[in-house]
Amino acid sequence: MSIKKLYCFMMLIVFCICGLFPHMSQAAPFKVLVVMSYNLEKYAWVREIKEGIDSVLASDCEMKYFYMDTKTDFEGGPRKAKEAFALYQEFQPDGVIAADDNAQSMFVVPYLKDKVRTPVMFCGVNAESETYGYPATNVSGILERLHINASVAFAQWLVPSIKSVGFITENSATGKALLKQIQNESDTYSAKLVASKLPKTLREAVEMTEELKKKCDLLLLGSMAGIPGKDGVPFTEKEVTSAITKTFGKPVIGSTDKNVEYGALCAVLRTGQEQGATAAQMLLKAMRGTPVSELPVTRNHQGKRIINATVMKRLNIRPRPDVLGGAELVKTEE
């Protein structure tokens, strides 16, 4: 057989193999299901987490995302969790990522924790991991902790006269978990914590902010996107942040970049990208064979400084130039 005929014969074999197994080279090594507590379109935090997850897994894994939307429909959460489990059974993923607290209490704990062999990694969890019985035989992940100590100190660099701080956030599982973090570490803050408020409606939030305005120099604003009005309709993060910051009229620390863009003075932010990427990296190790017991629960460490230049000007704040170094400057979004 000539070299040319041999070459043609070998190519024919290759084409036949490709025809018989057309998807061999295209098959993703792992299938991953991601269950989010909140809605992708409404919350920048969810988009950040997705960016972090995708940066690690999207190029090599087959991904499916499910959004429970419990910020705007908390009562419908259990029903959504049931739908997420039906998707899990249909998709048969090699690994699962569950983001934020409601996905843990409503989805992971009832359906997956110690019940399946699939490795599950959580992220964005404000409560202590023991609240959900984590770590479990098949569950680990990354806790979300606000950089409150650093944020208070940062605000004092901008306004050295700050001596006291108040705290306000929604009356929810996430809000209560954040309050517990503050209670556990407030004695390390460089400003005295004088009061904490957990309103159930925006009207309550504004009234409580009026009270805090009389008691403290600085306000820490937790996440309140989706807090309802008296008619039960949820407000956007922009509406809530604008109402609170205008009512307080003094420096406010935000808990998200959107808080700062909507009227808070500054923050040292945790990032959803760190949460998502860390959970994805841990899951990848588990899917490749590392026992979940060898992947201990961790927490976020990275911080991003951000300042609202519009608010700084309105409050007549003139910090030293070195205080602004390395910080992201934004303007109030109208």
C-alpha atoms as a PDB file:
ATOM      1  CA  MET A   1       0.000   0.000   0.000  1.00  0.00           C
ATOM      2  CA  SER A   2       1.372   3.387  -0.998  1.00  0.00           C
ATOM      3  CA  ILE A   3       1.894   6.137   1.545  1.00  0.00           C
ATOM      4  CA  LYS A   4      -0.866   8.156  -0.082  1.00  0.00           C
ATOM      5  CA  LYS A   5      -3.357   5.241   0.162  1.00  0.00           C
ATOM      6  CA  LEU A   6      -2.293   4.548   3.750  1.00  0.00           C
ATOM      7  CA  TYR A   7      -2.899   8.215   4.630  1.00  0.00           C
ATOM      8  CA  CYS A   8      -6.351   8.141   3.015  1.00  0.00           C
ATOM      9  CA  PHE A   9      -7.168   4.897   4.869  1.00  0.00           C
ATOM     10  CA  MET A  10      -6.134   6.402   8.224  1.00  0.00           C
ATOM     11  CA  MET A  11      -8.170   9.545   7.602  1.00  0.00           C
ATOM     12  CA  LEU A  12     -11.189   7.381   6.720  1.00  0.00           C
ATOM     13  CA  ILE A  13     -10.866   5.610  10.082  1.00  0.00           C
ATOM     14  CA  VAL A  14     -10.654   8.984  11.893  1.00  0.00           C
ATOM     15  CA  PHE A  15     -13.778  10.250  10.111  1.00  0.00           C
ATOM     16  CA  CYS A  16     -15.646   7.071  10.954  1.00  0.00           C
ATOM     17  CA  ILE A  17     -14.736   7.324  14.620  1.00  0.00           C
ATOM     18  CA  CYS A  18     -15.826  10.970  14.710  1.00  0.00           C
ATOM     19  CA  GLY A  19     -19.071  10.002  13.030  1.00  0.00           C
ATOM     20  CA  LEU A  20     -19.767   7.274  15.536  1.00  0.00           C
ATOM     21  CA  PHE A  21     -18.856   9.446  18.515  1.00  0.00           C
ATOM     22  CA  PRO A  22     -19.616  13.019  17.434  1.00  0.00           C
ATOM     23  CA  HIS A  23     -19.733  14.459  20.932  1.00  0.00           C
ATOM     24  CA  MET A  24     -16.635  12.858  22.423  1.00  0.00           C
ATOM     25  CA  SER A  25     -14.398  15.875  22.005  1.00  0.00           C
ATOM     26  CA  GLN A  26     -17.121  18.346  22.932  1.00  0.00           C
ATOM     27  CA  ALA A  27     -18.398  16.756  26.147  1.00  0.00           C
ATOM     28  CA  ALA A  28     -17.829  18.879  29.259  1.00  0.00           C
ATOM     29  CA  PRO A  29     -15.982  16.975  32.004  1.00  0.00           C
ATOM     30  CA  PHE A  30     -18.406  18.053  34.745  1.00  0.00           C
ATOM     31  CA  LYS A  31     -22.012  19.190  35.066  1.00  0.00           C
ATOM     32  CA  VAL A  32     -22.642  21.894  37.678  1.00  0.00           C
ATOM     33  CA  LEU A  33     -25.944  23.179  39.065  1.00  0.00           C
ATOM     34  CA  VAL A  34     -25.926  26.619  40.703  1.00  0.00           C
ATOM     35  CA  VAL A  35     -28.895  27.578  42.876  1.00  0.00           C
ATOM     36  CA  MET A  36     -29.146  31.286  43.721  1.00  0.00           C
ATOM     37  CA  SER A  37     -31.319  32.663  46.523  1.00  0.00           C
ATOM     38  CA  TYR A  38     -32.065  35.854  44.605  1.00  0.00           C
ATOM     39  CA  ASN A  39     -32.850  37.148  41.125  1.00  0.00           C
ATOM     40  CA  LEU A  40     -30.033  37.722  38.627  1.00  0.00           C
ATOM     41  CA  GLU A  41     -31.555  40.751  36.899  1.00  0.00           C
ATOM     42  CA  LYS A  42     -32.425  42.657  40.079  1.00  0.00           C
ATOM     43  CA  TYR A  43     -29.310  42.280  42.226  1.00  0.00           C
ATOM     44  CA  ALA A  44     -25.727  43.204  41.376  1.00  0.00           C
ATOM     45  CA  TRP A  45     -24.537  40.876  44.154  1.00  0.00           C
ATOM     46  CA  VAL A  46     -25.978  37.869  42.294  1.00  0.00           C
ATOM     47  CA  ARG A  47     -24.318  38.971  39.063  1.00  0.00           C
ATOM     48  CA  GLU A  48     -20.975  39.304  40.868  1.00  0.00           C
ATOM     49  CA  ILE A  49     -21.229  35.782  42.283  1.00  0.00           C
ATOM     50  CA  LYS A  50     -22.084  34.419  38.837  1.00  0.00           C
ATOM     51  CA  GLU A  51     -19.067  36.193  37.358  1.00  0.00           C
ATOM     52  CA  GLY A  52     -16.836  34.565  39.968  1.00  0.00           C
ATOM     53  CA  ILE A  53     -18.285  31.092  39.360  1.00  0.00           C
ATOM     54  CA  ASP A  54     -18.106  31.404  35.587  1.00  0.00           C
ATOM     55  CA  SER A  55     -14.495  32.608  35.708  1.00  0.00           C
ATOM     56  CA  VAL A  56     -13.526  29.205  37.145  1.00  0.00           C
ATOM     57  CA  LEU A  57     -16.025  26.732  35.677  1.00  0.00           C
ATOM     58  CA  ALA A  58     -17.853  28.050  32.606  1.00  0.00           C
ATOM     59  CA  SER A  59     -15.177  27.238  30.019  1.00  0.00           C
ATOM     60  CA  ASP A  60     -14.920  23.563  30.990  1.00  0.00           C
ATOM     61  CA  CYS A  61     -18.229  22.636  32.630  1.00  0.00           C
ATOM     62  CA  GLU A  62     -21.825  22.334  31.564  1.00  0.00           C
ATOM     63  CA  MET A  63     -23.596  24.903  33.749  1.00  0.00           C
ATOM     64  CA  LYS A  64     -27.242  25.318  34.776  1.00  0.00           C
ATOM     65  CA  TYR A  65     -28.420  28.258  36.929  1.00  0.00           C
ATOM     66  CA  PHE A  66     -31.611  28.368  38.985  1.00  0.00           C
ATOM     67  CA  TYR A  67     -32.863  31.560  40.687  1.00  0.00           C
ATOM     68  CA  MET A  68     -35.200  31.240  43.698  1.00  0.00           C
ATOM     69  CA  ASP A  69     -35.982  34.998  43.850  1.00  0.00           C
ATOM     70  CA  THR A  70     -36.655  34.931  47.602  1.00  0.00           C
ATOM     71  CA  LYS A  71     -35.965  38.661  48.029  1.00  0.00           C
ATOM     72  CA  THR A  72     -39.221  39.551  46.326  1.00  0.00           C
ATOM     73  CA  ASP A  73     -41.144  36.346  47.082  1.00  0.00           C
ATOM     74  CA  PHE A  74     -39.879  34.831  50.327  1.00  0.00           C
ATOM     75  CA  GLU A  75     -43.070  32.833  50.900  1.00  0.00           C
ATOM     76  CA  GLY A  76     -42.613  31.163  47.530  1.00  0.00           C
ATOM     77  CA  GLY A  77     -39.098  30.030  48.454  1.00  0.00           C
ATOM     78  CA  PRO A  78     -39.971  26.441  49.483  1.00  0.00           C
ATOM     79  CA  ARG A  79     -41.852  25.934  46.225  1.00  0.00           C
ATOM     80  CA  LYS A  80     -38.872  27.254  44.264  1.00  0.00           C
ATOM     81  CA  ALA A  81     -36.548  24.979  46.262  1.00  0.00           C
ATOM     82  CA  LYS A  82     -38.697  22.012  45.275  1.00  0.00           C
ATOM     83  CA  GLU A  83     -38.359  23.059  41.636  1.00  0.00           C
ATOM     84  CA  ALA A  84     -34.592  23.351  42.089  1.00  0.00           C
ATOM     85  CA  PHE A  85     -34.455  19.802  43.449  1.00  0.00           C
ATOM     86  CA  ALA A  86     -36.506  18.538  40.498  1.00  0.00           C
ATOM     87  CA  LEU A  87     -33.922  20.165  38.219  1.00  0.00           C
ATOM     88  CA  TYR A  88     -31.158  18.512  40.255  1.00  0.00           C
ATOM     89  CA  GLN A  89     -32.757  15.092  39.759  1.00  0.00           C
ATOM     90  CA  GLU A  90     -33.199  15.694  36.032  1.00  0.00           C
ATOM     91  CA  PHE A  91     -29.764  17.229  35.411  1.00  0.00           C
ATOM     92  CA  GLN A  92     -27.804  14.816  37.668  1.00  0.00           C
ATOM     93  CA  PRO A  93     -24.947  17.281  38.242  1.00  0.00           C
ATOM     94  CA  ASP A  94     -21.460  16.298  39.392  1.00  0.00           C
ATOM     95  CA  GLY A  95     -21.487  19.253  41.778  1.00  0.00           C
ATOM     96  CA  VAL A  96     -23.733  21.973  43.201  1.00  0.00           C
ATOM     97  CA  ILE A  97     -23.125  25.557  44.306  1.00  0.00           C
ATOM     98  CA  ALA A  98     -25.743  27.232  46.513  1.00  0.00           C
ATOM     99  CA  ALA A  99     -25.542  30.995  47.036  1.00  0.00           C
ATOM    100  CA  ASP A 100     -26.755  33.027  50.043  1.00  0.00           C
ATOM    101  CA  ASP A 101     -28.667  31.919  53.127  1.00  0.00           C
ATOM    102  CA  ASN A 102     -32.128  31.141  51.778  1.00  0.00           C
ATOM    103  CA  ALA A 103     -30.727  28.591  49.338  1.00  0.00           C
ATOM    104  CA  GLN A 104     -29.196  26.788  52.320  1.00  0.00           C
ATOM    105  CA  SER A 105     -32.256  26.666  54.585  1.00  0.00           C
ATOM    106  CA  MET A 106     -34.776  26.013  51.824  1.00  0.00           C
ATOM    107  CA  PHE A 107     -32.817  23.873  49.338  1.00  0.00           C
ATOM    108  CA  VAL A 108     -29.533  22.366  50.520  1.00  0.00           C
ATOM    109  CA  VAL A 109     -30.535  21.362  54.056  1.00  0.00           C
ATOM    110  CA  PRO A 110     -33.911  19.746  53.163  1.00  0.00           C
ATOM    111  CA  TYR A 111     -32.813  18.059  49.934  1.00  0.00           C
ATOM    112  CA  LEU A 112     -29.030  17.570  49.671  1.00  0.00           C
ATOM    113  CA  LYS A 113     -27.128  17.812  52.965  1.00  0.00           C
ATOM    114  CA  ASP A 114     -26.054  14.296  54.042  1.00  0.00           C
ATOM    115  CA  LYS A 115     -28.724  12.895  51.673  1.00  0.00           C
ATOM    116  CA  VAL A 116     -26.794  12.650  48.384  1.00  0.00           C
ATOM    117  CA  ARG A 117     -23.172  12.016  47.448  1.00  0.00           C
ATOM    118  CA  THR A 118     -22.951  15.075  45.198  1.00  0.00           C
ATOM    119  CA  PRO A 119     -20.486  17.644  46.588  1.00  0.00           C
ATOM    120  CA  VAL A 120     -22.146  20.961  47.452  1.00  0.00           C
ATOM    121  CA  MET A 121     -20.330  24.256  48.033  1.00  0.00           C
ATOM    122  CA  PHE A 122     -22.071  27.267  49.515  1.00  0.00           C
ATOM    123  CA  CYS A 123     -21.175  30.937  49.199  1.00  0.00           C
ATOM    124  CA  GLY A 124     -22.630  34.242  50.369  1.00  0.00           C
ATOM    125  CA  VAL A 125     -23.685  32.778  53.733  1.00  0.00           C
ATOM    126  CA  ASN A 126     -24.086  35.382  56.489  1.00  0.00           C
ATOM    127  CA  ALA A 127     -25.097  33.038  59.297  1.00  0.00           C
ATOM    128  CA  GLU A 128     -22.611  30.888  61.188  1.00  0.00           C
ATOM    129  CA  SER A 129     -22.027  27.657  59.285  1.00  0.00           C
ATOM    130  CA  GLU A 130     -23.288  25.645  62.275  1.00  0.00           C
ATOM    131  CA  THR A 131     -26.728  27.174  61.722  1.00  0.00           C
ATOM    132  CA  TYR A 132     -27.175  24.823  58.764  1.00  0.00           C
ATOM    133  CA  GLY A 133     -25.168  21.915  60.171  1.00  0.00           C
ATOM    134  CA  TYR A 134     -22.126  22.744  58.028  1.00  0.00           C
ATOM    135  CA  PRO A 135     -19.667  21.365  57.278  1.00  0.00           C
ATOM    136  CA  ALA A 136     -21.497  18.167  56.368  1.00  0.00           C
ATOM    137  CA  THR A 137     -20.380  14.964  54.695  1.00  0.00           C
ATOM    138  CA  ASN A 138     -20.949  16.536  51.292  1.00  0.00           C
ATOM    139  CA  VAL A 139     -21.119  20.281  52.057  1.00  0.00           C
ATOM    140  CA  SER A 140     -18.519  23.006  52.596  1.00  0.00           C
ATOM    141  CA  GLY A 141     -17.963  26.511  51.251  1.00  0.00           C
ATOM    142  CA  ILE A 142     -17.215  30.166  51.927  1.00  0.00           C
ATOM    143  CA  LEU A 143     -18.930  32.443  54.448  1.00  0.00           C
ATOM    144  CA  GLU A 144     -19.711  36.067  53.630  1.00  0.00           C
ATOM    145  CA  ARG A 145     -18.515  38.612  56.165  1.00  0.00           C
ATOM    146  CA  LEU A 146     -18.707  42.387  55.706  1.00  0.00           C
ATOM    147  CA  HIS A 147     -15.498  44.339  56.292  1.00  0.00           C
ATOM    148  CA  ILE A 148     -17.197  46.503  58.911  1.00  0.00           C
ATOM    149  CA  ASN A 149     -14.145  47.214  61.035  1.00  0.00           C
ATOM    150  CA  ALA A 150     -12.201  48.381  57.980  1.00  0.00           C
ATOM    151  CA  SER A 151     -15.193  50.388  56.706  1.00  0.00           C
ATOM    152  CA  VAL A 152     -15.576  52.263  60.000  1.00  0.00           C
ATOM    153  CA  ALA A 153     -11.861  53.072  60.052  1.00  0.00           C
ATOM    154  CA  PHE A 154     -12.032  54.192  56.410  1.00  0.00           C
ATOM    155  CA  ALA A 155     -14.922  56.546  57.177  1.00  0.00           C
ATOM    156  CA  GLN A 156     -12.894  58.002  60.054  1.00  0.00           C
ATOM    157  CA  TRP A 157      -9.991  58.673  57.690  1.00  0.00           C
ATOM    158  CA  LEU A 158     -12.414  60.746  55.635  1.00  0.00           C
ATOM    159  CA  VAL A 159     -14.132  62.322  58.666  1.00  0.00           C
ATOM    160  CA  PRO A 160     -11.837  62.147  61.737  1.00  0.00           C
ATOM    161  CA  SER A 161     -14.548  63.569  64.030  1.00  0.00           C
ATOM    162  CA  ILE A 162     -16.609  60.350  63.804  1.00  0.00           C
ATOM    163  CA  LYS A 163     -16.902  58.754  67.265  1.00  0.00           C
ATOM    164  CA  SER A 164     -20.115  56.690  67.153  1.00  0.00           C
ATOM    165  CA  VAL A 165     -21.870  54.399  64.685  1.00  0.00           C
ATOM    166  CA  GLY A 166     -25.406  53.037  64.318  1.00  0.00           C
ATOM    167  CA  PHE A 167     -26.575  50.083  62.271  1.00  0.00           C
ATOM    168  CA  ILE A 168     -29.719  49.466  60.237  1.00  0.00           C
ATOM    169  CA  THR A 169     -30.711  46.554  58.004  1.00  0.00           C
ATOM    170  CA  GLU A 170     -33.806  44.581  57.049  1.00  0.00           C
ATOM    171  CA  ASN A 171     -35.499  42.278  59.556  1.00  0.00           C
ATOM    172  CA  SER A 172     -34.648  39.035  57.760  1.00  0.00           C
ATOM    173  CA  ALA A 173     -32.436  35.971  58.191  1.00  0.00           C
ATOM    174  CA  THR A 174     -29.614  37.798  56.416  1.00  0.00           C
ATOM    175  CA  GLY A 175     -30.127  40.947  58.472  1.00  0.00           C
ATOM    176  CA  LYS A 176     -30.153  39.025  61.753  1.00  0.00           C
ATOM    177  CA  ALA A 177     -26.986  37.160  60.772  1.00  0.00           C
ATOM    178  CA  LEU A 178     -25.274  40.469  60.004  1.00  0.00           C
ATOM    179  CA  LEU A 179     -26.430  41.855  63.352  1.00  0.00           C
ATOM    180  CA  LYS A 180     -24.866  38.846  65.068  1.00  0.00           C
ATOM    181  CA  GLN A 181     -21.557  39.520  63.296  1.00  0.00           C
ATOM    182  CA  ILE A 182     -21.663  43.115  64.509  1.00  0.00           C
ATOM    183  CA  GLN A 183     -22.500  42.116  68.073  1.00  0.00           C
ATOM    184  CA  ASN A 184     -19.605  39.648  68.096  1.00  0.00           C
ATOM    185  CA  GLU A 185     -16.996  42.125  66.874  1.00  0.00           C
ATOM    186  CA  SER A 186     -18.256  45.631  67.729  1.00  0.00           C
ATOM    187  CA  ASP A 187     -15.814  45.988  70.628  1.00  0.00           C
ATOM    188  CA  THR A 188     -13.021  46.019  68.027  1.00  0.00           C
ATOM    189  CA  TYR A 189     -14.501  48.941  66.046  1.00  0.00           C
ATOM    190  CA  SER A 190     -12.750  52.295  66.241  1.00  0.00           C
ATOM    191  CA  ALA A 191     -16.144  54.016  66.747  1.00  0.00           C
ATOM    192  CA  LYS A 192     -18.641  53.050  69.452  1.00  0.00           C
ATOM    193  CA  LEU A 193     -21.703  51.090  68.335  1.00  0.00           C
ATOM    194  CA  VAL A 194     -24.651  52.895  69.951  1.00  0.00           C
ATOM    195  CA  ALA A 195     -27.738  51.245  68.434  1.00  0.00           C
ATOM    196  CA  SER A 196     -28.973  48.675  65.906  1.00  0.00           C
ATOM    197  CA  LYS A 197     -32.304  48.633  64.047  1.00  0.00           C
ATOM    198  CA  LEU A 198     -34.070  45.937  62.012  1.00  0.00           C
ATOM    199  CA  PRO A 199     -37.111  47.494  60.274  1.00  0.00           C
ATOM    200  CA  LYS A 200     -39.724  45.470  58.418  1.00  0.00           C
ATOM    201  CA  THR A 201     -40.898  48.232  56.057  1.00  0.00           C
ATOM    202  CA  LEU A 202     -39.340  51.277  54.427  1.00  0.00           C
ATOM    203  CA  ARG A 203     -41.508  53.560  56.543  1.00  0.00           C
ATOM    204  CA  GLU A 204     -40.123  51.930  59.695  1.00  0.00           C
ATOM    205  CA  ALA A 205     -36.616  52.216  58.268  1.00  0.00           C
ATOM    206  CA  VAL A 206     -36.964  55.977  57.723  1.00  0.00           C
ATOM    207  CA  GLU A 207     -38.411  56.471  61.224  1.00  0.00           C
ATOM    208  CA  MET A 208     -35.606  54.436  62.781  1.00  0.00           C
ATOM    209  CA  THR A 209     -33.026  56.374  60.781  1.00  0.00           C
ATOM    210  CA  GLU A 210     -34.410  59.613  62.239  1.00  0.00           C
ATOM    211  CA  GLU A 211     -33.784  58.130  65.705  1.00  0.00           C
ATOM    212  CA  LEU A 212     -30.261  57.028  64.812  1.00  0.00           C
ATOM    213  CA  LYS A 213     -29.478  60.482  63.397  1.00  0.00           C
ATOM    214  CA  LYS A 214     -29.803  61.907  66.918  1.00  0.00           C
ATOM    215  CA  LYS A 215     -27.550  59.255  68.467  1.00  0.00           C
ATOM    216  CA  CYS A 216     -24.586  58.681  66.163  1.00  0.00           C
ATOM    217  CA  ASP A 217     -22.131  60.302  63.737  1.00  0.00           C
ATOM    218  CA  LEU A 218     -22.004  57.434  61.263  1.00  0.00           C
ATOM    219  CA  LEU A 219     -24.573  54.932  59.933  1.00  0.00           C
ATOM    220  CA  LEU A 220     -23.839  51.433  58.683  1.00  0.00           C
ATOM    221  CA  LEU A 221     -26.446  50.445  56.086  1.00  0.00           C
ATOM    222  CA  GLY A 222     -26.946  46.720  55.600  1.00  0.00           C
ATOM    223  CA  SER A 223     -28.680  45.213  52.598  1.00  0.00           C
ATOM    224  CA  MET A 224     -32.323  46.290  52.419  1.00  0.00           C
ATOM    225  CA  ALA A 225     -33.084  45.778  48.740  1.00  0.00           C
ATOM    226  CA  GLY A 226     -36.585  44.369  48.478  1.00  0.00           C
ATOM    227  CA  ILE A 227     -37.874  45.758  51.791  1.00  0.00           C
ATOM    228  CA  PRO A 228     -41.606  46.402  51.299  1.00  0.00           C
ATOM    229  CA  GLY A 229     -43.757  49.483  51.660  1.00  0.00           C
ATOM    230  CA  LYS A 230     -47.033  49.447  53.585  1.00  0.00           C
ATOM    231  CA  ASP A 231     -48.744  47.911  50.545  1.00  0.00           C
ATOM    232  CA  GLY A 232     -46.286  45.022  50.526  1.00  0.00           C
ATOM    233  CA  VAL A 233     -44.650  46.007  47.228  1.00  0.00           C
ATOM    234  CA  PRO A 234     -40.826  45.736  47.502  1.00  0.00           C
ATOM    235  CA  PHE A 235     -38.619  48.774  46.930  1.00  0.00           C
ATOM    236  CA  THR A 236     -35.442  48.717  44.865  1.00  0.00           C
ATOM    237  CA  GLU A 237     -32.010  49.071  46.404  1.00  0.00           C
ATOM    238  CA  LYS A 238     -31.737  52.534  44.867  1.00  0.00           C
ATOM    239  CA  GLU A 239     -35.006  53.712  46.426  1.00  0.00           C
ATOM    240  CA  VAL A 240     -34.126  52.363  49.867  1.00  0.00           C
ATOM    241  CA  THR A 241     -30.547  53.676  49.866  1.00  0.00           C
ATOM    242  CA  SER A 242     -31.631  57.112  48.674  1.00  0.00           C
ATOM    243  CA  ALA A 243     -34.336  57.368  51.359  1.00  0.00           C
ATOM    244  CA  ILE A 244     -32.013  56.274  54.187  1.00  0.00           C
ATOM    245  CA  THR A 245     -29.008  58.395  53.222  1.00  0.00           C
ATOM    246  CA  LYS A 246     -31.110  61.540  52.708  1.00  0.00           C
ATOM    247  CA  THR A 247     -32.866  61.011  56.040  1.00  0.00           C
ATOM    248  CA  PHE A 248     -29.621  60.486  57.954  1.00  0.00           C
ATOM    249  CA  GLY A 249     -27.895  63.466  56.315  1.00  0.00           C
ATOM    250  CA  LYS A 250     -24.468  62.449  57.631  1.00  0.00           C
ATOM    251  CA  PRO A 251     -21.835  59.901  56.560  1.00  0.00           C
ATOM    252  CA  VAL A 252     -23.222  56.461  55.721  1.00  0.00           C
ATOM    253  CA  ILE A 253     -21.234  53.276  55.156  1.00  0.00           C
ATOM    254  CA  GLY A 254     -22.630  51.077  52.403  1.00  0.00           C
ATOM    255  CA  SER A 255     -22.599  47.289  52.306  1.00  0.00           C
ATOM    256  CA  THR A 256     -22.594  47.074  48.497  1.00  0.00           C
ATOM    257  CA  ASP A 257     -21.091  49.136  45.697  1.00  0.00           C
ATOM    258  CA  LYS A 258     -24.637  50.085  44.691  1.00  0.00           C
ATOM    259  CA  ASN A 259     -25.247  51.528  48.173  1.00  0.00           C
ATOM    260  CA  VAL A 260     -22.320  53.860  47.569  1.00  0.00           C
ATOM    261  CA  GLU A 261     -23.419  54.705  44.033  1.00  0.00           C
ATOM    262  CA  TYR A 262     -26.924  55.478  45.350  1.00  0.00           C
ATOM    263  CA  GLY A 263     -25.858  57.836  48.145  1.00  0.00           C
ATOM    264  CA  ALA A 264     -23.679  56.271  50.848  1.00  0.00           C
ATOM    265  CA  LEU A 265     -20.317  57.952  51.462  1.00  0.00           C
ATOM    266  CA  CYS A 266     -17.943  55.016  51.380  1.00  0.00           C
ATOM    267  CA  ALA A 267     -17.283  51.344  52.113  1.00  0.00           C
ATOM    268  CA  VAL A 268     -14.660  48.641  52.161  1.00  0.00           C
ATOM    269  CA  LEU A 269     -16.539  46.012  50.193  1.00  0.00           C
ATOM    270  CA  ARG A 270     -16.490  42.262  50.021  1.00  0.00           C
ATOM    271  CA  THR A 271     -17.002  41.078  46.452  1.00  0.00           C
ATOM    272  CA  GLY A 272     -19.366  38.545  44.976  1.00  0.00           C
ATOM    273  CA  GLN A 273     -16.610  37.579  42.555  1.00  0.00           C
ATOM    274  CA  GLU A 274     -14.467  36.326  45.469  1.00  0.00           C
ATOM    275  CA  GLN A 275     -17.435  34.402  46.892  1.00  0.00           C
ATOM    276  CA  GLY A 276     -18.281  32.741  43.586  1.00  0.00           C
ATOM    277  CA  ALA A 277     -14.720  31.981  42.499  1.00  0.00           C
ATOM    278  CA  THR A 278     -13.768  30.492  45.883  1.00  0.00           C
ATOM    279  CA  ALA A 279     -16.835  28.219  45.967  1.00  0.00           C
ATOM    280  CA  ALA A 280     -16.157  27.175  42.358  1.00  0.00           C
ATOM    281  CA  GLN A 281     -12.496  26.373  43.082  1.00  0.00           C
ATOM    282  CA  MET A 282     -13.500  24.292  46.103  1.00  0.00           C
ATOM    283  CA  LEU A 283     -16.149  22.450  44.078  1.00  0.00           C
ATOM    284  CA  LEU A 284     -13.694  21.718  41.272  1.00  0.00           C
ATOM    285  CA  LYS A 285     -11.332  20.080  43.771  1.00  0.00           C
ATOM    286  CA  ALA A 286     -14.195  18.000  45.177  1.00  0.00           C
ATOM    287  CA  MET A 287     -15.365  16.887  41.720  1.00  0.00           C
ATOM    288  CA  ARG A 288     -11.793  15.859  40.922  1.00  0.00           C
ATOM    289  CA  GLY A 289     -11.690  13.595  43.942  1.00  0.00           C
ATOM    290  CA  THR A 290     -10.661  15.633  46.993  1.00  0.00           C
ATOM    291  CA  PRO A 291     -12.871  14.585  49.938  1.00  0.00           C
ATOM    292  CA  VAL A 292     -15.163  17.380  51.120  1.00  0.00           C
ATOM    293  CA  SER A 293     -13.795  16.798  54.630  1.00  0.00           C
ATOM    294  CA  GLU A 294     -10.440  18.072  53.361  1.00  0.00           C
ATOM    295  CA  LEU A 295     -12.015  21.329  52.133  1.00  0.00           C
ATOM    296  CA  PRO A 296     -12.676  23.326  55.323  1.00  0.00           C
ATOM    297  CA  VAL A 297     -15.211  26.143  55.510  1.00  0.00           C
ATOM    298  CA  THR A 298     -13.499  29.473  54.803  1.00  0.00           C
ATOM    299  CA  ARG A 299     -14.476  33.153  54.639  1.00  0.00           C
ATOM    300  CA  ASN A 300     -13.768  36.131  52.385  1.00  0.00           C
ATOM    301  CA  HIS A 301     -10.624  38.208  52.898  1.00  0.00           C
ATOM    302  CA  GLN A 302     -10.387  40.605  49.947  1.00  0.00           C
ATOM    303  CA  GLY A 303     -11.628  44.180  50.330  1.00  0.00           C
ATOM    304  CA  LYS A 304     -12.287  46.988  47.822  1.00  0.00           C
ATOM    305  CA  ARG A 305     -12.375  50.639  48.958  1.00  0.00           C
ATOM    306  CA  ILE A 306     -14.971  52.850  47.288  1.00  0.00           C
ATOM    307  CA  ILE A 307     -15.926  56.517  47.833  1.00  0.00           C
ATOM    308  CA  ASN A 308     -18.828  58.583  46.498  1.00  0.00           C
ATOM    309  CA  ALA A 309     -17.297  61.886  45.353  1.00  0.00           C
ATOM    310  CA  THR A 310     -20.743  63.532  45.057  1.00  0.00           C
ATOM    311  CA  VAL A 311     -21.536  62.801  48.707  1.00  0.00           C
ATOM    312  CA  MET A 312     -18.056  63.837  49.799  1.00  0.00           C
ATOM    313  CA  LYS A 313     -18.587  67.231  48.164  1.00  0.00           C
ATOM    314  CA  ARG A 314     -22.110  67.625  49.580  1.00  0.00           C
ATOM    315  CA  LEU A 315     -20.881  66.911  53.103  1.00  0.00           C
ATOM    316  CA  ASN A 316     -17.944  69.276  52.579  1.00  0.00           C
ATOM    317  CA  ILE A 317     -15.398  66.527  53.268  1.00  0.00           C
ATOM    318  CA  ARG A 318     -11.827  67.334  52.226  1.00  0.00           C
ATOM    319  CA  PRO A 319      -9.618  64.350  53.055  1.00  0.00           C
ATOM    320  CA  ARG A 320      -5.872  64.178  52.684  1.00  0.00           C
ATOM    321  CA  PRO A 321      -4.856  63.055  49.163  1.00  0.00           C
ATOM    322  CA  ASP A 322      -3.219  59.885  50.495  1.00  0.00           C
ATOM    323  CA  VAL A 323      -6.572  58.737  51.943  1.00  0.00           C
ATOM    324  CA  LEU A 324      -7.994  58.603  48.402  1.00  0.00           C
ATOM    325  CA  GLY A 325      -5.092  56.561  47.051  1.00  0.00           C
ATOM    326  CA  GLY A 326      -6.160  53.157  45.739  1.00  0.00           C
ATOM    327  CA  ALA A 327      -9.876  53.851  46.267  1.00  0.00           C
ATOM    328  CA  GLU A 328     -12.481  53.711  43.508  1.00  0.00           C
ATOM    329  CA  LEU A 329     -14.308  57.030  43.116  1.00  0.00           C
ATOM    330  CA  VAL A 330     -17.945  57.060  41.971  1.00  0.00           C
ATOM    331  CA  LYS A 331     -20.677  59.665  41.640  1.00  0.00           C
ATOM    332  CA  THR A 332     -24.244  59.440  42.860  1.00  0.00           C
ATOM    333  CA  GLU A 333     -26.414  57.778  40.250  1.00  0.00           C
ATOM    334  CA  GLU A 334     -29.421  59.993  39.601  1.00  0.00           C
END
